[in-house]
Amino acid sequence: MIKGTLDLIEKRREEIVNACERLYQTMSFKEITLKEIGNVTEFSRSNIYNYFQTKEEIFLALFKREYDRWNEELKSILDKNEILSKEQIADKISASLQKREQLLRLLSMNNYEMEANSRPQLLTEFKLSYGASMKIIALILEKFCPDMDVKDIQVFIYMFFPFMFGIYPYTAVTDKQRACMKKANIDYFYQSIYDITYSFLLRLLRIM
């Protein structure tokens, strides 16, 4: 039984998620353990179990928070503009993702494993944030692209969101990967998160 007020419980959950986020800056998902998280918080591994049952649940909470932060930026695009061209829509959404590198890195992971090892309640909370992103993108398109009908918007969403899963691996390239690409004689053109997203969005918007 978790003791404390709802605010205190949420504060402790947030501290655990923050610790996971700090570790994720320098470590991989596989390397991070509940013990590692406990080492950088005031909680022991057994105490962490009071708030999260698995490492995947902590990452899912971090994932949810990243979607929530992106949703705030998308909502700002929707609310603070009266008219946007398709070029401007592509620019603003691309710029918002440029600031969400951690979201893109999480998207590139094995999300099936993360979701499979999380309780339904936490997974539902995550899906609400993920679904909100889709809804806000749809609202942006409805507002600024009157030439797009319901089917066009649905096709856009089901092309753009899967595309996001592959952005990070194509833009966060290590020195080791670059060296191996060079040895393999692959002339690969490296792009930023903004560049690769803007190029895709602009082409997608123009054919809709």
Protein backbone atom coordinates (compact mmCIF):
# COMPACT_ATOMS: atom_id res chain seq x y z
CA MET A 1 0.00 0.00 0.00
CA ILE A 2 1.45 3.39 -1.02
CA LYS A 3 1.30 5.89 1.83
CA GLY A 4 0.91 9.64 1.37
CA THR A 5 -1.30 12.18 -0.37
CA LEU A 6 -1.94 11.98 -4.11
CA ASP A 7 0.34 15.02 -4.59
CA LEU A 8 3.15 13.33 -2.66
CA ILE A 9 2.72 10.08 -4.56
CA GLU A 10 2.83 11.96 -7.88
CA LYS A 11 5.92 13.87 -6.74
CA ARG A 12 7.71 10.62 -5.91
CA ARG A 13 6.69 9.05 -9.22
CA GLU A 14 8.01 12.14 -10.99
CA GLU A 15 11.33 11.88 -9.14
CA ILE A 16 11.73 8.29 -10.32
CA VAL A 17 10.88 9.22 -13.92
CA ASN A 18 13.33 12.16 -13.76
CA ALA A 19 16.07 9.80 -12.58
CA CYS A 20 15.33 7.43 -15.46
CA GLU A 21 15.46 10.37 -17.87
CA ARG A 22 18.89 11.45 -16.59
CA LEU A 23 20.27 7.94 -16.95
CA TYR A 24 18.81 7.66 -20.45
CA GLN A 25 21.01 10.54 -21.58
CA THR A 26 24.12 8.37 -21.28
CA MET A 27 22.82 4.78 -21.04
CA SER A 28 20.70 2.49 -23.18
CA PHE A 29 17.34 1.01 -22.22
CA LYS A 30 18.99 -2.38 -21.65
CA GLU A 31 21.66 -0.93 -19.35
CA ILE A 32 19.22 0.91 -17.10
CA THR A 33 17.91 -1.18 -14.20
CA LEU A 34 15.74 -0.46 -11.18
CA LYS A 35 18.92 -0.67 -9.11
CA GLU A 36 20.58 1.99 -11.28
CA ILE A 37 17.52 4.22 -10.90
CA GLY A 38 17.55 3.65 -7.14
CA ASN A 39 21.21 4.72 -7.02
CA VAL A 40 20.35 8.21 -8.27
CA THR A 41 17.21 8.70 -6.15
CA GLU A 42 16.33 8.48 -2.48
CA PHE A 43 14.45 5.24 -3.18
CA SER A 44 15.69 1.69 -2.86
CA ARG A 45 14.69 -0.82 -5.51
CA SER A 46 12.03 -2.24 -3.19
CA ASN A 47 10.61 1.27 -2.62
CA ILE A 48 10.41 1.89 -6.36
CA TYR A 49 8.06 -1.10 -6.61
CA ASN A 50 5.52 0.94 -4.62
CA TYR A 51 5.18 3.26 -7.61
CA PHE A 52 6.21 1.21 -10.66
CA GLN A 53 6.20 -2.57 -10.98
CA THR A 54 8.68 -2.77 -13.87
CA LYS A 55 11.38 -0.75 -15.57
CA GLU A 56 9.14 -0.64 -18.62
CA GLU A 57 6.45 1.19 -16.64
CA ILE A 58 8.95 3.91 -15.74
CA PHE A 59 9.94 4.28 -19.38
CA LEU A 60 6.28 4.32 -20.38
CA ALA A 61 5.71 7.22 -17.95
CA LEU A 62 8.67 9.03 -19.49
CA PHE A 63 7.27 8.29 -22.95
CA LYS A 64 3.86 9.69 -21.91
CA ARG A 65 5.49 12.85 -20.59
CA GLU A 66 7.32 13.35 -23.88
CA TYR A 67 4.03 13.11 -25.79
CA ASP A 68 2.42 15.55 -23.34
CA ARG A 69 5.23 18.06 -23.93
CA TRP A 70 4.94 17.67 -27.70
CA ASN A 71 1.17 18.07 -27.43
CA GLU A 72 1.66 21.46 -25.75
CA GLU A 73 3.74 22.61 -28.71
CA LEU A 74 1.23 21.25 -31.23
CA LYS A 75 -1.60 22.98 -29.34
CA SER A 76 0.38 26.23 -29.55
CA ILE A 77 0.62 25.84 -33.35
CA LEU A 78 -3.13 25.32 -33.47
CA ASP A 79 -4.12 28.17 -31.15
CA LYS A 80 -1.61 30.89 -31.97
CA ASN A 81 -2.07 30.97 -35.74
CA GLU A 82 -5.02 31.97 -37.89
CA ILE A 83 -3.66 31.02 -41.31
CA LEU A 84 -0.77 28.72 -42.23
CA SER A 85 0.40 27.55 -45.62
CA LYS A 86 1.40 23.92 -46.11
CA GLU A 87 5.03 25.01 -46.07
CA GLN A 88 4.48 26.73 -42.72
CA ILE A 89 2.68 23.70 -41.28
CA ALA A 90 5.60 21.48 -42.29
CA ASP A 91 8.04 23.99 -40.82
CA LYS A 92 6.30 24.32 -37.45
CA ILE A 93 5.67 20.61 -36.91
CA SER A 94 9.26 19.82 -37.93
CA ALA A 95 10.60 22.47 -35.54
CA SER A 96 8.50 21.03 -32.72
CA LEU A 97 9.97 17.55 -33.30
CA GLN A 98 13.50 18.94 -33.51
CA LYS A 99 13.10 19.79 -29.81
CA ARG A 100 11.72 16.34 -28.96
CA GLU A 101 14.75 14.16 -29.66
CA GLN A 102 14.03 12.07 -26.57
CA LEU A 103 10.52 11.29 -27.84
CA LEU A 104 11.98 10.14 -31.15
CA ARG A 105 14.59 8.02 -29.40
CA LEU A 106 11.86 6.34 -27.34
CA LEU A 107 9.86 5.76 -30.52
CA SER A 108 12.81 3.92 -32.05
CA MET A 109 12.82 1.37 -29.20
CA ASN A 110 10.89 -1.90 -28.98
CA ASN A 111 7.59 -0.43 -27.83
CA TYR A 112 5.87 -3.82 -27.85
CA GLU A 113 8.07 -4.95 -24.97
CA MET A 114 7.48 -1.73 -23.07
CA GLU A 115 3.72 -1.99 -23.42
CA ALA A 116 3.62 -5.73 -22.72
CA ASN A 117 5.37 -5.24 -19.37
CA SER A 118 3.17 -2.38 -18.15
CA ARG A 119 -0.14 -2.52 -16.29
CA PRO A 120 -3.31 -1.70 -18.29
CA GLN A 121 -4.00 1.48 -16.30
CA LEU A 122 -0.59 2.98 -17.08
CA LEU A 123 -0.77 1.83 -20.70
CA THR A 124 -4.18 3.49 -21.05
CA GLU A 125 -2.78 6.76 -19.65
CA PHE A 126 0.01 6.58 -22.20
CA LYS A 127 -2.39 5.84 -25.06
CA LEU A 128 -4.46 8.91 -24.10
CA SER A 129 -1.40 11.14 -24.56
CA TYR A 130 -0.44 9.38 -27.80
CA GLY A 131 -4.01 9.67 -29.07
CA ALA A 132 -4.07 13.37 -28.17
CA SER A 133 -1.13 13.93 -30.53
CA MET A 134 -3.09 12.38 -33.39
CA LYS A 135 -6.16 14.47 -32.55
CA ILE A 136 -4.23 17.75 -32.40
CA ILE A 137 -2.49 17.02 -35.72
CA ALA A 138 -5.93 16.31 -37.21
CA LEU A 139 -7.23 19.63 -35.84
CA ILE A 140 -4.24 21.48 -37.33
CA LEU A 141 -4.97 19.97 -40.73
CA GLU A 142 -8.71 20.70 -40.46
CA LYS A 143 -8.01 24.34 -39.56
CA PHE A 144 -5.24 25.19 -42.00
CA CYS A 145 -5.87 22.77 -44.90
CA PRO A 146 -9.55 23.13 -45.87
CA ASP A 147 -8.82 21.26 -49.11
CA MET A 148 -8.16 18.07 -47.12
CA ASP A 149 -11.18 15.90 -46.34
CA VAL A 150 -11.58 13.39 -43.48
CA LYS A 151 -10.03 10.57 -45.50
CA ASP A 152 -7.04 12.73 -46.51
CA ILE A 153 -6.39 13.60 -42.87
CA GLN A 154 -6.66 9.98 -41.79
CA VAL A 155 -4.19 8.90 -44.50
CA PHE A 156 -1.83 11.70 -43.46
CA ILE A 157 -1.88 10.59 -39.82
CA TYR A 158 -1.35 6.92 -40.64
CA MET A 159 1.63 7.81 -42.82
CA PHE A 160 3.22 10.46 -40.59
CA PHE A 161 3.07 8.68 -37.23
CA PRO A 162 4.72 5.44 -38.45
CA PHE A 163 7.33 7.64 -40.18
CA MET A 164 8.24 9.11 -36.77
CA PHE A 165 9.48 5.69 -35.58
CA GLY A 166 12.36 5.88 -38.03
CA ILE A 167 13.48 9.50 -37.61
CA TYR A 168 15.91 8.99 -34.72
CA PRO A 169 18.01 6.15 -36.21
CA TYR A 170 18.48 8.18 -39.40
CA THR A 171 19.50 11.40 -37.65
CA ALA A 172 21.37 10.32 -34.48
CA VAL A 173 24.33 8.63 -36.13
CA THR A 174 27.36 7.62 -34.03
CA ASP A 175 30.98 7.88 -35.13
CA LYS A 176 31.09 4.08 -35.19
CA GLN A 177 28.13 3.92 -37.57
CA ARG A 178 29.63 6.60 -39.82
CA ALA A 179 32.93 4.72 -40.00
CA CYS A 180 31.20 1.45 -40.87
CA MET A 181 29.03 3.14 -43.52
CA LYS A 182 32.21 4.54 -45.06
CA LYS A 183 33.90 1.11 -45.03
CA ALA A 184 30.80 -0.41 -46.61
CA ASN A 185 31.07 2.17 -49.42
CA ILE A 186 27.62 3.60 -48.68
CA ASP A 187 27.35 7.24 -49.65
CA TYR A 188 24.69 8.24 -47.12
CA PHE A 189 23.38 11.81 -46.87
CA TYR A 190 22.98 12.73 -43.20
CA GLN A 191 20.14 15.08 -42.28
CA SER A 192 18.86 16.76 -39.11
CA ILE A 193 15.55 15.88 -37.44
CA TYR A 194 14.11 19.10 -38.85
CA ASP A 195 15.36 18.51 -42.40
CA ILE A 196 14.18 14.93 -42.76
CA THR A 197 10.79 15.71 -41.17
CA TYR A 198 10.20 18.89 -43.16
CA SER A 199 11.02 17.18 -46.44
CA PHE A 200 8.63 14.31 -45.71
CA LEU A 201 5.80 16.51 -44.42
CA LEU A 202 5.99 18.89 -47.34
CA ARG A 203 5.73 16.07 -49.86
CA LEU A 204 2.94 14.45 -47.90
CA LEU A 205 0.94 17.68 -47.61
CA ARG A 206 1.31 18.48 -51.30
CA ILE A 207 -0.14 15.18 -52.45
CA MET A 208 -3.11 15.35 -50.11
